[in-house]
Protein backbone atom coordinates (compact mmCIF):
# COMPACT_ATOMS: atom_id res chain seq x y z
CA MET A 1 96.04 101.64 93.14
CA THR A 2 99.04 100.06 91.47
CA THR A 3 101.58 102.42 89.95
CA PRO A 4 104.16 100.30 88.01
CA PRO A 5 105.14 99.06 85.55
CA PHE A 6 106.93 102.05 84.09
CA ARG A 7 108.04 102.67 80.57
CA PRO A 8 111.64 101.55 80.12
CA VAL A 9 114.19 104.14 81.21
CA SER A 10 115.95 105.80 78.28
CA GLU A 11 119.60 106.75 77.87
CA THR A 12 118.48 110.38 78.01
CA ASP A 13 116.75 109.70 81.35
CA LEU A 14 119.90 108.07 82.70
CA SER A 15 121.97 111.05 81.55
CA VAL A 16 119.63 113.49 83.29
CA LEU A 17 119.62 111.33 86.44
CA ARG A 18 123.43 111.30 86.39
CA ALA A 19 123.45 115.11 86.20
CA GLN A 20 120.80 115.43 88.93
CA LEU A 21 122.54 113.06 91.33
CA GLY A 22 126.14 113.89 90.48
CA ARG A 23 126.78 110.17 89.99
CA PRO A 24 125.37 107.34 87.90
CA ALA A 25 121.95 106.15 89.05
CA ARG A 26 121.85 102.54 90.22
CA GLY A 27 119.23 99.91 89.50
CA VAL A 28 116.81 102.19 87.67
CA VAL A 29 113.78 100.31 86.33
CA GLY A 30 111.83 103.37 85.23
CA ILE A 31 110.91 106.97 85.85
CA ALA A 32 108.05 107.09 88.34
CA ALA A 33 107.39 110.84 88.12
CA ARG A 34 108.51 113.61 85.81
CA CYS A 35 108.78 117.36 85.93
CA VAL A 36 106.25 119.22 83.79
CA CYS A 37 109.13 119.69 81.30
CA GLY A 38 109.64 115.91 81.07
CA ASN A 39 112.81 115.53 83.13
CA PRO A 40 112.90 112.79 85.78
CA THR A 41 111.74 113.77 89.26
CA VAL A 42 111.46 110.29 90.80
CA ALA A 43 113.42 107.23 89.70
CA ALA A 44 112.05 103.77 90.34
CA THR A 45 114.80 101.49 91.61
CA ALA A 46 114.97 97.70 91.62
CA PRO A 47 114.67 96.01 95.02
CA ARG A 48 118.06 94.39 94.43
CA LEU A 49 120.89 96.39 92.87
CA GLU A 50 123.18 94.96 90.21
CA ASP A 51 125.83 94.13 92.83
CA GLY A 52 123.27 92.13 94.84
CA THR A 53 122.63 94.75 97.51
CA PRO A 54 119.02 94.80 98.76
CA PHE A 55 117.51 98.24 98.14
CA PRO A 56 114.12 98.96 99.76
CA THR A 57 113.68 102.45 98.26
CA LEU A 58 111.61 101.86 95.13
CA TYR A 59 110.80 105.56 94.71
CA TYR A 60 113.92 107.73 94.81
CA LEU A 61 113.61 111.52 94.66
CA THR A 62 116.15 112.81 92.12
CA HIS A 63 115.08 116.33 91.17
CA PRO A 64 117.58 118.69 92.88
CA ALA A 65 115.00 121.39 93.68
CA ALA A 66 112.58 118.85 95.14
CA THR A 67 115.38 117.24 97.12
CA ALA A 68 116.50 120.63 98.45
CA ALA A 69 112.92 121.47 99.43
CA MET A 70 112.55 118.23 101.42
CA SER A 71 115.94 118.82 103.07
CA GLY A 72 114.75 122.28 104.06
CA LEU A 73 111.61 120.86 105.64
CA GLU A 74 113.65 118.29 107.56
CA ALA A 75 116.02 121.02 108.78
CA ALA A 76 113.01 123.07 109.93
CA GLN A 77 111.80 120.13 112.08
CA VAL A 78 108.68 119.58 109.96
CA MET A 79 109.03 115.82 110.51
CA ARG A 80 108.10 116.40 114.15
CA THR A 81 104.87 118.16 113.10
CA LEU A 82 104.03 115.43 110.60
CA SER A 83 104.78 112.75 113.21
CA ASP A 84 102.33 114.45 115.55
CA GLU A 85 99.68 114.47 112.80
CA LEU A 86 100.34 110.78 112.22
CA SER A 87 99.94 109.87 115.89
CA ASP A 88 97.03 112.23 116.61
CA ASP A 89 94.77 111.48 113.64
CA PRO A 90 93.47 107.91 113.22
CA GLY A 91 92.49 108.67 109.62
CA VAL A 92 96.06 109.70 108.76
CA THR A 93 97.39 106.65 110.63
CA GLU A 94 95.20 104.31 108.59
CA ALA A 95 95.95 106.07 105.27
CA TYR A 96 99.68 105.90 106.02
CA ARG A 97 99.40 102.15 106.70
CA ARG A 98 97.63 101.74 103.35
CA ALA A 99 100.39 103.80 101.68
CA HIS A 100 102.97 101.40 103.13
CA GLU A 101 101.03 98.42 101.74
CA ALA A 102 100.71 100.09 98.32
CA TYR A 103 104.46 100.76 98.29
CA LEU A 104 105.21 97.11 99.02
CA ARG A 105 102.83 95.96 96.26
CA ASP A 106 104.44 98.36 93.78
CA ARG A 107 107.95 97.16 94.63
CA ALA A 108 106.95 93.48 94.52
CA GLN A 109 106.29 93.86 90.81
CA PHE A 110 110.08 94.09 90.40
CA GLY A 111 110.92 91.08 92.56
CA GLU A 112 110.90 89.97 96.16
CA VAL A 113 113.99 90.28 98.34
CA ASP A 114 113.84 88.48 101.68
CA GLN A 115 116.18 90.94 103.42
CA ILE A 116 113.74 93.83 102.85
CA ALA A 117 110.44 91.97 103.10
CA GLY A 118 107.86 94.16 104.80
CA ILE A 119 110.12 97.25 104.73
CA SER A 120 108.95 100.15 102.61
CA ALA A 121 110.51 103.61 102.99
CA GLY A 122 110.42 106.85 104.88
CA GLY A 123 109.43 105.23 108.17
CA MET A 124 106.14 103.83 106.93
CA PRO A 125 103.88 102.56 108.36
CA THR A 126 104.48 103.84 111.90
CA ARG A 127 106.78 106.87 111.83
CA VAL A 128 108.03 109.75 109.70
CA LYS A 129 111.70 109.19 108.95
CA CYS A 130 112.58 110.58 105.49
CA LEU A 131 110.55 113.23 103.70
CA HIS A 132 112.51 112.64 100.49
CA ALA A 133 111.24 109.06 100.27
CA LEU A 134 107.70 110.00 101.28
CA ALA A 135 107.51 112.84 98.76
CA ALA A 136 108.89 110.54 96.07
CA HIS A 137 106.15 108.01 96.84
CA ALA A 138 103.49 110.72 96.79
CA LEU A 139 104.72 112.00 93.42
CA ALA A 140 104.89 108.50 91.93
CA ALA A 141 101.56 107.26 93.27
CA GLY A 142 99.63 110.51 92.88
CA PRO A 143 97.67 112.58 95.37
CA GLY A 144 95.72 110.79 98.07
CA VAL A 145 97.90 107.69 98.36
CA ASN A 146 100.54 108.83 100.87
CA PRO A 147 99.13 111.43 103.27
CA ILE A 148 102.48 112.37 104.82
CA GLY A 149 104.17 112.63 101.42
CA ASP A 150 101.28 114.77 100.20
CA ARG A 151 101.62 117.05 103.26
CA ALA A 152 105.36 117.39 102.78
CA LEU A 153 104.85 118.43 99.16
CA ALA A 154 102.14 120.90 100.17
CA LEU A 155 104.43 122.44 102.81
CA SER A 156 107.45 122.69 100.52
CA THR A 157 108.66 125.61 98.46
CA TRP A 158 108.95 123.32 95.42
CA SER A 159 106.00 122.41 93.21
CA PRO A 160 105.74 119.57 90.69
CA GLU A 161 103.58 121.90 88.61
CA ARG A 162 106.31 124.50 87.96
CA CYS A 163 109.53 123.64 86.13
CA VAL A 164 112.75 124.89 87.69
CA CYS A 165 115.06 122.54 85.80
CA ALA A 166 116.83 125.41 84.03
CA GLU A 167 117.47 127.31 87.27
CA PRO A 168 120.99 127.16 88.76
CA GLY A 169 121.44 124.06 90.91
CA ALA A 170 118.29 122.39 89.55
CA SER A 171 120.14 120.32 86.90
CA GLY A 172 118.44 118.52 84.12
């Protein structure tokens, strides 16, 4: 499954991203996932930023409620549980390796950068390092592509199927 290319990012999208992040978004090449209300949830970022910095994180979680939910899972040590699932289940291990390869293929559509060749995000393909990045990939690619990202979303208090953009702290 190949996710990009995305529709061009609009000025409205960039404004919402700025509000969500509390700073201007860098290197945005599209919106990879949206809230049910249409606001950005995941920004797709170029593999090389405008200043020349290599940037491996193609899928960047921007929605404040989703970000807070992933932070909560990390604080609750859920990464340890997901790491155990990864090491204990050969099917999850293989699916996670395929997710890593899919991520690299998706990013390659926006250019190759030698400094980040073979590096995806979130610890793929061998460990669980950042639930924000893994959830962003799962949201962008859809269910069944990234098993750890899918699990993190399923365990979280946030749902991509319910808009909370108008709630305090959810911005957008």
